[in-house]
N, C-alpha and C. Protein backbone atom coordinates (compact mmCIF):
# COMPACT_ATOMS: atom_id res chain seq x y z
N UNK A 1 80.63 96.18 15.76
CA UNK A 1 80.14 97.52 17.01
C UNK A 1 79.60 96.41 18.19
N UNK A 2 80.13 97.10 19.33
CA UNK A 2 80.06 96.79 20.81
C UNK A 2 78.26 97.53 21.21
N UNK A 3 77.69 96.43 21.71
CA UNK A 3 76.68 96.59 22.53
C UNK A 3 76.80 98.54 23.38
N UNK A 4 76.03 99.54 23.67
CA UNK A 4 76.36 100.39 24.01
C UNK A 4 76.31 100.17 25.46
N UNK A 5 77.05 100.86 26.52
CA UNK A 5 77.00 100.33 27.40
C UNK A 5 75.63 101.37 28.14
N UNK A 6 75.07 100.71 29.39
CA UNK A 6 74.34 101.26 29.99
C UNK A 6 74.63 102.05 31.25
N UNK A 7 75.09 102.74 31.59
CA UNK A 7 75.81 103.60 32.77
C UNK A 7 74.84 103.81 33.43
N UNK A 8 73.71 103.82 33.35
CA UNK A 8 72.72 104.35 34.02
C UNK A 8 72.15 102.64 35.26
N UNK A 9 72.07 103.19 36.76
CA UNK A 9 71.94 102.45 37.99
C UNK A 9 70.80 103.26 38.40
N UNK A 10 69.40 102.00 38.91
CA UNK A 10 68.74 102.49 39.38
C UNK A 10 68.46 102.19 40.50
N UNK A 11 68.69 102.55 41.56
CA UNK A 11 68.33 102.12 43.06
C UNK A 11 67.15 101.76 43.28
N UNK A 12 66.94 100.44 44.00
CA UNK A 12 65.84 99.99 44.67
C UNK A 12 65.75 99.55 45.89
N UNK A 13 64.26 100.20 46.56
CA UNK A 13 64.03 100.13 47.70
C UNK A 13 62.92 98.86 47.94
N UNK A 14 63.19 97.97 48.92
CA UNK A 14 62.22 96.78 49.67
C UNK A 14 61.76 97.40 50.39
N UNK A 15 60.28 97.13 50.80
CA UNK A 15 60.12 97.18 52.22
C UNK A 15 59.23 96.36 52.38
N UNK A 16 59.45 95.69 53.39
CA UNK A 16 58.31 93.79 54.32
C UNK A 16 58.13 94.58 55.40
N UNK A 17 56.96 94.32 55.30
CA UNK A 17 56.25 94.84 56.32
C UNK A 17 54.79 93.72 56.84
N UNK A 18 54.06 93.66 57.81
CA UNK A 18 52.84 93.05 57.85
C UNK A 18 51.69 92.88 57.10
N UNK A 19 51.07 94.47 57.08
CA UNK A 19 50.48 96.00 56.32
C UNK A 19 50.92 96.08 55.54
N UNK A 20 49.74 96.74 54.97
CA UNK A 20 49.73 98.42 54.19
C UNK A 20 49.58 99.22 55.67
N UNK A 21 49.25 99.33 56.50
CA UNK A 21 49.39 100.33 57.32
C UNK A 21 50.58 100.28 58.57
N UNK A 22 51.36 99.40 58.49
CA UNK A 22 52.63 99.25 59.03
C UNK A 22 54.07 99.55 58.48
N UNK A 23 53.67 99.57 56.97
CA UNK A 23 54.99 100.14 55.72
C UNK A 23 54.25 101.09 55.75
N UNK A 24 53.03 102.22 55.59
CA UNK A 24 53.54 103.10 55.66
C UNK A 24 53.46 104.30 56.79
N UNK A 25 52.67 103.37 58.29
CA UNK A 25 52.95 104.29 59.34
C UNK A 25 54.91 104.71 59.72
N UNK A 26 55.61 103.06 59.47
CA UNK A 26 56.87 103.10 59.58
C UNK A 26 57.98 103.73 58.77
N UNK A 27 57.57 103.58 57.77
CA UNK A 27 58.44 103.82 56.73
C UNK A 27 57.37 104.79 55.31
N UNK A 28 56.63 105.31 55.39
CA UNK A 28 56.38 106.04 54.50
C UNK A 28 56.99 107.49 53.87
N UNK A 29 56.93 108.47 54.95
CA UNK A 29 57.75 109.33 54.20
C UNK A 29 59.58 108.76 53.30
N UNK A 30 59.84 107.71 53.58
CA UNK A 30 61.10 107.37 53.13
C UNK A 30 60.66 106.93 51.92
N UNK A 31 59.38 105.75 51.68
CA UNK A 31 59.07 105.19 50.52
C UNK A 31 58.62 106.41 49.52
N UNK A 32 57.82 108.02 50.02
CA UNK A 32 57.84 108.86 48.73
C UNK A 32 59.14 109.42 48.42
N UNK A 33 59.71 109.39 49.57
CA UNK A 33 60.70 110.47 49.06
C UNK A 33 61.70 109.60 48.33
N UNK A 34 61.95 108.38 48.70
CA UNK A 34 62.96 107.02 47.50
C UNK A 34 62.00 107.23 46.21
N UNK A 35 60.47 107.01 46.15
CA UNK A 35 60.06 107.03 44.80
C UNK A 35 60.44 108.24 43.77
N UNK A 36 60.00 109.22 44.70
CA UNK A 36 60.02 110.89 43.87
C UNK A 36 61.10 111.13 43.25
N UNK A 37 62.58 110.32 44.08
CA UNK A 37 64.07 110.77 43.54
C UNK A 37 64.13 109.53 42.83
N UNK A 38 63.04 108.96 42.36
CA UNK A 38 63.49 108.10 40.73
C UNK A 38 63.61 106.21 40.97
N UNK A 39 63.90 106.15 42.03
CA UNK A 39 63.83 104.96 43.08
C UNK A 39 62.54 103.76 42.22
N UNK A 40 63.19 102.67 42.52
CA UNK A 40 62.42 101.89 42.03
C UNK A 40 61.77 100.82 43.57
N UNK A 41 60.52 101.39 44.00
CA UNK A 41 60.44 101.24 45.40
C UNK A 41 58.94 100.08 45.43
N UNK A 42 59.61 98.96 46.32
CA UNK A 42 58.24 98.17 46.16
C UNK A 42 57.87 97.76 47.53
N UNK A 43 56.22 97.88 47.76
CA UNK A 43 56.07 97.24 49.53
C UNK A 43 55.69 95.54 49.35
N UNK A 44 56.57 95.07 50.60
CA UNK A 44 55.97 93.57 50.04
C UNK A 44 54.98 93.26 51.91
N UNK A 45 54.31 93.01 51.73
CA UNK A 45 53.20 92.46 52.76
C UNK A 45 52.31 91.22 53.07
N UNK A 46 52.47 91.30 54.09
CA UNK A 46 52.07 89.35 53.78
C UNK A 46 50.58 89.71 54.02
N UNK A 47 49.88 90.43 54.07
CA UNK A 47 47.96 91.08 53.98
C UNK A 47 48.04 90.66 52.41
N UNK A 48 48.69 90.92 51.60
CA UNK A 48 48.48 90.91 50.03
C UNK A 48 47.81 91.44 50.02
N UNK A 49 47.65 92.53 50.51
CA UNK A 49 46.76 93.99 49.81
C UNK A 49 47.33 94.48 49.55
N UNK A 50 47.12 95.16 48.21
CA UNK A 50 47.58 96.11 47.54
C UNK A 50 46.84 97.41 47.86
N UNK A 51 47.16 98.84 47.89
CA UNK A 51 46.42 99.30 48.45
C UNK A 51 46.66 101.04 47.90
N UNK A 52 45.44 101.82 47.59
CA UNK A 52 45.85 103.03 47.11
C UNK A 52 46.99 104.19 47.85
N UNK A 53 46.79 103.60 49.36
CA UNK A 53 47.75 104.63 49.91
C UNK A 53 49.35 104.21 49.37
N UNK A 54 50.03 102.89 48.95
CA UNK A 54 50.63 102.62 48.16
C UNK A 54 50.75 103.53 47.22
N UNK A 55 49.98 103.44 46.91
CA UNK A 55 50.29 103.93 44.72
C UNK A 55 50.18 105.57 44.90
N UNK A 56 49.64 106.08 46.22
CA UNK A 56 50.07 107.43 46.66
C UNK A 56 51.42 107.94 46.86
N UNK A 57 51.77 107.11 47.48
CA UNK A 57 53.14 107.29 48.07
C UNK A 57 54.44 107.01 46.75
N UNK A 58 54.18 106.25 45.59
CA UNK A 58 54.39 105.75 44.33
C UNK A 58 55.07 105.05 44.28
N UNK A 59 54.86 103.88 45.29
CA UNK A 59 55.31 102.21 45.30
C UNK A 59 54.67 101.36 44.46
N UNK A 60 54.90 100.31 44.08
CA UNK A 60 54.49 99.01 43.79
C UNK A 60 54.10 98.24 44.99
N UNK A 61 52.79 97.01 45.22
CA UNK A 61 52.68 96.73 46.46
C UNK A 61 53.27 94.52 45.28
N UNK A 62 53.17 94.18 46.43
CA UNK A 62 53.86 92.83 46.04
C UNK A 62 53.09 92.09 47.23
N UNK A 63 53.00 90.56 46.92
CA UNK A 63 52.73 89.94 47.92
C UNK A 63 54.10 89.72 48.80
N UNK A 64 54.50 89.02 50.18
CA UNK A 64 55.53 89.03 50.45
C UNK A 64 56.26 87.90 50.19
N UNK A 65 55.31 86.81 49.51
CA UNK A 65 55.86 85.80 49.24
C UNK A 65 56.96 85.61 48.07
N UNK A 66 56.92 86.78 47.24
CA UNK A 66 57.18 87.06 45.97
C UNK A 66 58.38 87.09 46.27
N UNK A 67 58.75 88.15 47.00
CA UNK A 67 60.22 88.39 47.38
C UNK A 67 61.21 87.26 48.30
N UNK A 68 60.28 86.62 49.15
CA UNK A 68 61.03 85.35 49.86
C UNK A 68 61.65 83.98 48.84
N UNK A 69 60.76 84.38 47.70
CA UNK A 69 61.41 83.12 46.74
C UNK A 69 62.09 83.63 45.88
N UNK A 70 62.63 84.78 45.98
CA UNK A 70 62.95 85.36 44.91
C UNK A 70 64.73 85.49 45.70
N UNK A 71 65.52 84.84 45.87
CA UNK A 71 66.70 84.73 46.94
C UNK A 71 67.69 85.81 46.38
N UNK A 72 67.82 85.16 44.45
CA UNK A 72 68.72 85.70 44.12
C UNK A 72 69.27 87.04 43.99
N UNK A 73 68.29 88.13 44.33
CA UNK A 73 68.02 89.54 43.86
C UNK A 73 67.40 90.00 45.63
N UNK A 74 68.01 91.37 45.47
CA UNK A 74 68.23 92.02 46.92
C UNK A 74 67.94 93.36 46.86
N UNK A 75 67.20 94.16 46.94
CA UNK A 75 67.38 95.15 46.43
C UNK A 75 68.19 96.52 46.78
N UNK A 76 68.96 98.08 46.35
CA UNK A 76 69.56 98.09 47.24
C UNK A 76 69.34 98.51 48.34
N UNK A 77 68.30 99.47 48.97
CA UNK A 77 68.28 99.65 50.46
C UNK A 77 66.84 98.11 50.94
N UNK A 78 66.56 97.44 51.97
CA UNK A 78 65.78 96.55 52.32
C UNK A 78 65.22 97.29 53.78
N UNK A 79 64.26 97.87 54.36
CA UNK A 79 63.68 98.38 55.78
C UNK A 79 62.49 97.09 55.74
N UNK A 80 62.57 97.00 57.07
CA UNK A 80 61.58 95.53 57.19
C UNK A 80 61.27 95.74 58.53
N UNK A 81 59.91 95.74 58.71
CA UNK A 81 59.50 95.89 60.16
C UNK A 81 59.63 95.23 61.26
N UNK A 82 60.20 96.22 62.21
CA UNK A 82 60.86 94.70 63.35
C UNK A 82 60.16 93.74 63.93
N UNK A 83 58.95 94.13 64.17
CA UNK A 83 57.65 92.97 64.33
C UNK A 83 57.95 91.57 63.10
N UNK A 84 57.70 92.12 62.24
CA UNK A 84 57.70 91.25 60.88
C UNK A 84 59.53 89.93 61.53
N UNK A 85 60.08 90.81 61.70
CA UNK A 85 61.83 90.16 61.12
C UNK A 85 62.21 89.73 62.83
N UNK A 86 61.40 89.85 63.62
CA UNK A 86 60.95 88.81 64.65
C UNK A 86 59.99 88.18 65.33
N UNK A 87 59.52 88.19 63.87
CA UNK A 87 57.60 86.62 63.86
C UNK A 87 58.04 86.09 62.75
N UNK A 88 58.75 86.27 61.90
CA UNK A 88 58.91 85.47 61.35
C UNK A 88 60.11 84.74 60.11
N UNK A 89 60.13 83.60 61.33
CA UNK A 89 61.98 83.02 60.63
C UNK A 89 62.07 83.51 59.06
N UNK A 90 61.51 82.82 58.01
CA UNK A 90 61.87 83.70 56.69
C UNK A 90 62.66 84.69 56.46
N UNK A 91 61.92 86.02 56.80
CA UNK A 91 62.02 86.98 57.01
C UNK A 91 63.21 87.00 57.58
N UNK A 92 63.40 86.44 58.36
CA UNK A 92 64.48 86.78 59.51
C UNK A 92 65.93 86.09 58.55
N UNK A 93 65.50 84.69 57.48
CA UNK A 93 66.75 84.62 56.99
C UNK A 93 67.04 85.28 55.81
N UNK A 94 66.03 85.69 54.90
CA UNK A 94 66.30 86.28 53.91
C UNK A 94 67.05 87.68 54.25
N UNK A 95 66.66 88.48 55.80
CA UNK A 95 67.30 89.65 56.10
C UNK A 95 68.95 89.15 56.37
N UNK A 96 68.93 87.81 57.21
CA UNK A 96 70.41 87.38 57.40
C UNK A 96 71.41 87.46 56.42
N UNK A 97 70.72 86.67 55.03
CA UNK A 97 71.95 86.15 53.97
C UNK A 97 71.53 87.42 52.93
N UNK A 98 70.90 88.69 53.32
CA UNK A 98 71.35 89.82 52.64
C UNK A 98 72.48 90.62 53.57
N UNK A 99 72.61 90.60 54.63
CA UNK A 99 73.43 90.97 55.68
C UNK A 99 75.10 90.68 55.55
N UNK A 100 74.24 88.67 55.21
CA UNK A 100 75.50 88.04 55.30
C UNK A 100 77.15 88.43 53.94
N UNK A 101 75.95 89.07 52.73
CA UNK A 101 76.69 88.85 51.71
C UNK A 101 76.50 90.51 51.25
N UNK A 102 76.41 91.27 52.09
CA UNK A 102 76.85 92.74 52.12
C UNK A 102 75.62 93.12 50.39
N UNK A 103 74.84 92.14 49.94
CA UNK A 103 73.78 92.57 49.20
C UNK A 103 73.16 93.85 49.02
N UNK A 104 73.10 94.42 50.25
CA UNK A 104 71.92 95.60 50.99
C UNK A 104 72.01 96.63 52.14
N UNK A 105 71.45 97.34 51.89
CA UNK A 105 71.72 98.32 53.21
C UNK A 105 70.42 98.04 53.47
N UNK A 106 70.30 97.13 55.14
CA UNK A 106 69.29 96.78 55.63
C UNK A 106 68.95 97.30 56.93
N UNK A 107 67.65 97.61 56.94
CA UNK A 107 67.64 98.30 58.53
C UNK A 107 66.06 98.14 58.47
N UNK A 108 65.96 97.94 60.03
CA UNK A 108 64.89 97.99 60.79
C UNK A 108 63.94 99.19 60.90
N UNK A 109 62.47 99.27 60.50
CA UNK A 109 62.48 99.85 61.23
C UNK A 109 60.89 100.12 62.29
N UNK A 110 59.87 100.77 63.32
CA UNK A 110 59.16 100.21 63.93
C UNK A 110 59.65 99.48 65.57
N UNK A 111 60.66 100.20 65.66
CA UNK A 111 61.49 99.95 66.92
C UNK A 111 60.91 100.49 68.43
N UNK A 112 61.08 101.72 68.40
CA UNK A 112 60.48 102.22 69.58
C UNK A 112 60.85 103.62 68.81
N UNK A 113 60.87 104.57 70.22
CA UNK A 113 61.13 105.93 69.41
C UNK A 113 62.49 106.70 69.69
N UNK A 114 62.31 108.17 69.77
CA UNK A 114 63.85 108.84 69.71
C UNK A 114 64.57 108.40 70.28
N UNK A 115 64.23 108.51 71.79
CA UNK A 115 65.17 107.79 72.36
C UNK A 115 66.37 106.17 72.39
N UNK A 116 66.05 105.54 71.36
CA UNK A 116 66.14 104.54 70.68
C UNK A 116 67.31 105.10 69.37
N UNK A 117 67.59 105.98 69.16
CA UNK A 117 68.62 106.47 67.76
C UNK A 117 69.74 106.33 67.97
N UNK A 118 70.34 106.28 69.36
CA UNK A 118 71.30 106.61 69.82
C UNK A 118 72.06 104.86 69.65
N UNK A 119 71.44 104.02 70.05
CA UNK A 119 71.66 102.41 70.24
C UNK A 119 71.80 102.04 68.87
N UNK A 120 73.24 101.27 68.75
CA UNK A 120 72.68 100.22 67.91
C UNK A 120 72.68 100.93 66.65
N UNK A 121 73.22 102.20 65.97
CA UNK A 121 72.99 101.94 64.61
C UNK A 121 71.61 102.88 64.52
N UNK A 122 71.12 103.63 65.60
CA UNK A 122 69.41 103.99 65.35
C UNK A 122 69.78 105.46 64.72
N UNK A 123 68.46 105.85 63.56
CA UNK A 123 68.86 106.80 63.20
C UNK A 123 67.30 107.68 62.89
N UNK A 124 67.01 108.81 63.05
CA UNK A 124 65.81 109.55 62.89
C UNK A 124 65.44 110.39 61.48
N UNK A 125 64.49 109.47 60.71
CA UNK A 125 64.74 110.55 59.22
C UNK A 125 63.77 111.17 58.94
N UNK A 126 64.26 112.40 59.13
CA UNK A 126 63.51 113.78 59.11
C UNK A 126 62.37 113.79 57.94
N UNK A 127 60.75 113.85 57.67
CA UNK A 127 60.47 113.98 57.07
C UNK A 127 60.14 115.69 56.13
N UNK A 128 60.07 115.81 54.90
CA UNK A 128 59.97 116.96 54.14
C UNK A 128 58.63 117.50 54.23
N UNK A 129 58.68 118.86 53.41
CA UNK A 129 56.89 119.11 53.92
C UNK A 129 56.26 117.92 52.47
N UNK A 130 57.18 117.74 51.55
CA UNK A 130 56.09 116.95 50.88
C UNK A 130 55.96 115.33 51.34
N UNK A 131 56.45 114.77 51.50
CA UNK A 131 56.52 113.39 52.36
C UNK A 131 55.99 113.40 53.18
N UNK A 132 55.71 114.26 54.33
CA UNK A 132 54.84 114.07 55.30
C UNK A 132 53.38 114.57 54.41
N UNK A 133 53.19 115.11 53.38
CA UNK A 133 51.87 115.43 53.32
C UNK A 133 51.33 114.53 52.40
N UNK A 134 51.90 113.67 51.52
CA UNK A 134 51.68 112.44 50.60
C UNK A 134 51.43 111.38 51.74
N UNK A 135 52.38 111.05 52.81
CA UNK A 135 51.87 110.04 53.99
C UNK A 135 50.36 110.36 54.47
N UNK A 136 50.11 111.37 54.45
CA UNK A 136 49.05 111.95 55.47
C UNK A 136 47.93 111.24 54.33
N UNK A 137 48.38 111.79 52.79
CA UNK A 137 47.03 111.41 52.21
C UNK A 137 46.80 110.26 52.27
N UNK A 138 48.11 109.11 52.22
CA UNK A 138 48.09 107.90 51.94
C UNK A 138 47.18 107.61 52.91
N UNK A 139 47.39 107.46 53.88
CA UNK A 139 46.51 107.42 55.35
C UNK A 139 45.33 107.52 55.39
N UNK A 140 44.63 108.89 54.46
CA UNK A 140 43.57 109.32 54.75
C UNK A 140 42.62 108.35 53.04
N UNK A 141 43.33 108.35 52.33
CA UNK A 141 42.67 107.57 51.36
C UNK A 141 43.18 105.97 51.31
N UNK A 142 43.51 105.55 51.79
CA UNK A 142 43.60 104.00 52.44
C UNK A 142 43.11 103.59 53.66
N UNK A 143 42.24 104.82 54.67
CA UNK A 143 41.53 104.25 55.34
C UNK A 143 42.35 103.79 56.67
N UNK A 144 43.53 104.16 56.37
CA UNK A 144 44.61 103.23 57.75
C UNK A 144 44.15 103.46 59.28
N UNK A 145 44.31 102.99 60.29
CA UNK A 145 44.47 102.97 61.49
C UNK A 145 45.58 103.48 61.78
N UNK A 146 45.74 104.75 61.30
CA UNK A 146 47.38 105.27 62.34
C UNK A 146 46.91 107.06 62.37
N UNK A 147 47.28 107.20 63.98
CA UNK A 147 46.56 108.18 64.57
C UNK A 147 47.35 109.65 64.22
N UNK A 148 48.61 109.65 64.57
CA UNK A 148 49.44 110.49 63.80
C UNK A 148 50.39 110.43 62.68
N UNK A 149 50.78 111.59 61.87
CA UNK A 149 51.50 111.26 61.14
C UNK A 149 52.74 112.45 61.82
N UNK A 150 54.12 111.55 62.36
CA UNK A 150 55.13 112.76 62.35
C UNK A 150 55.66 112.89 61.39
N UNK A 151 57.23 114.10 62.23
CA UNK A 151 57.74 114.53 61.07
C UNK A 151 58.85 113.95 61.31
N UNK A 152 59.56 112.70 61.85
CA UNK A 152 60.21 111.51 61.42
C UNK A 152 60.10 109.92 61.78
N UNK A 153 60.89 109.42 61.04
CA UNK A 153 60.19 108.02 60.86
C UNK A 153 61.86 107.48 61.01
N UNK A 154 61.83 106.60 62.48
CA UNK A 154 62.95 105.71 62.96
C UNK A 154 63.40 104.44 62.47
N UNK A 155 64.79 104.27 62.41
CA UNK A 155 65.24 102.93 61.47
C UNK A 155 66.87 102.68 62.26
N UNK A 156 66.92 101.61 61.93
CA UNK A 156 68.35 101.01 62.40
C UNK A 156 68.74 100.09 61.42
N UNK A 157 70.09 100.68 61.31
CA UNK A 157 70.73 100.13 60.38
C UNK A 157 71.08 98.98 60.41
N UNK A 158 71.19 97.98 59.90
CA UNK A 158 71.73 96.41 60.72
C UNK A 158 72.99 95.97 59.78
N UNK A 159 72.88 96.41 58.45
CA UNK A 159 74.20 96.24 57.51
C UNK A 159 74.25 96.98 56.31
N UNK A 160 75.40 97.64 56.39
CA UNK A 160 75.56 98.59 55.10
C UNK A 160 75.85 97.66 53.51
N UNK A 161 75.46 97.47 52.70
CA UNK A 161 75.65 97.41 51.33
C UNK A 161 77.04 97.49 50.87
N UNK A 162 77.94 96.80 50.64
CA UNK A 162 79.44 96.38 50.24
C UNK A 162 79.07 97.69 49.07
N UNK A 163 80.56 98.11 49.26
CA UNK A 163 80.71 99.13 48.21
C UNK A 163 79.86 100.68 47.78
N UNK A 164 78.68 100.02 49.25
CA UNK A 164 77.67 101.68 48.71
C UNK A 164 78.10 102.87 49.31
N UNK A 165 77.41 104.24 48.64
CA UNK A 165 77.41 105.25 48.87
C UNK A 165 76.85 105.03 50.43
N UNK A 166 75.70 106.12 50.41
CA UNK A 166 74.96 106.32 51.70
C UNK A 166 73.87 106.06 51.31
N UNK A 167 73.24 105.49 49.97
CA UNK A 167 71.85 105.56 49.56
C UNK A 167 70.48 105.91 50.69
N UNK A 168 71.08 105.74 51.95
CA UNK A 168 69.48 105.99 52.30
C UNK A 168 69.42 107.96 52.60
N UNK A 169 70.15 108.32 53.33
CA UNK A 169 70.99 109.66 53.30
C UNK A 169 71.14 110.42 52.42
């Protein structure tokens, strides 16, 4: 007898940010939506602070170093805050590796406003009422210093995963 074939594919979302606050501010709605859809969502931060805010959104917290040491694997979708990408050479190298081999759908967030959406693969991700509500709850429960929770989040695609449909939208 042959072992049964597991045809279930579990999408993964990895969010790399300087802090929990940055992850929630720039990608909290996407984090919630993907977790609610059954994705395995992990937020990797430099500050090594796991927060109830991330748990409210349905994700796990990990230290950024744990992802940077796991070069052999990449999430299905990788979201990186633009400032972390610019400031941390190791993050830049990880993103470049994921892009070069087409291992992940790679996106930057935290760039600018809606005016940037038209340039270079940028798009606005509209938050539904549940994502907005959970993002607001995460901000309040985590006592994060985020003034407003908007109705959309801005992303710019750097590279698409080879053979992937559109797992983001």
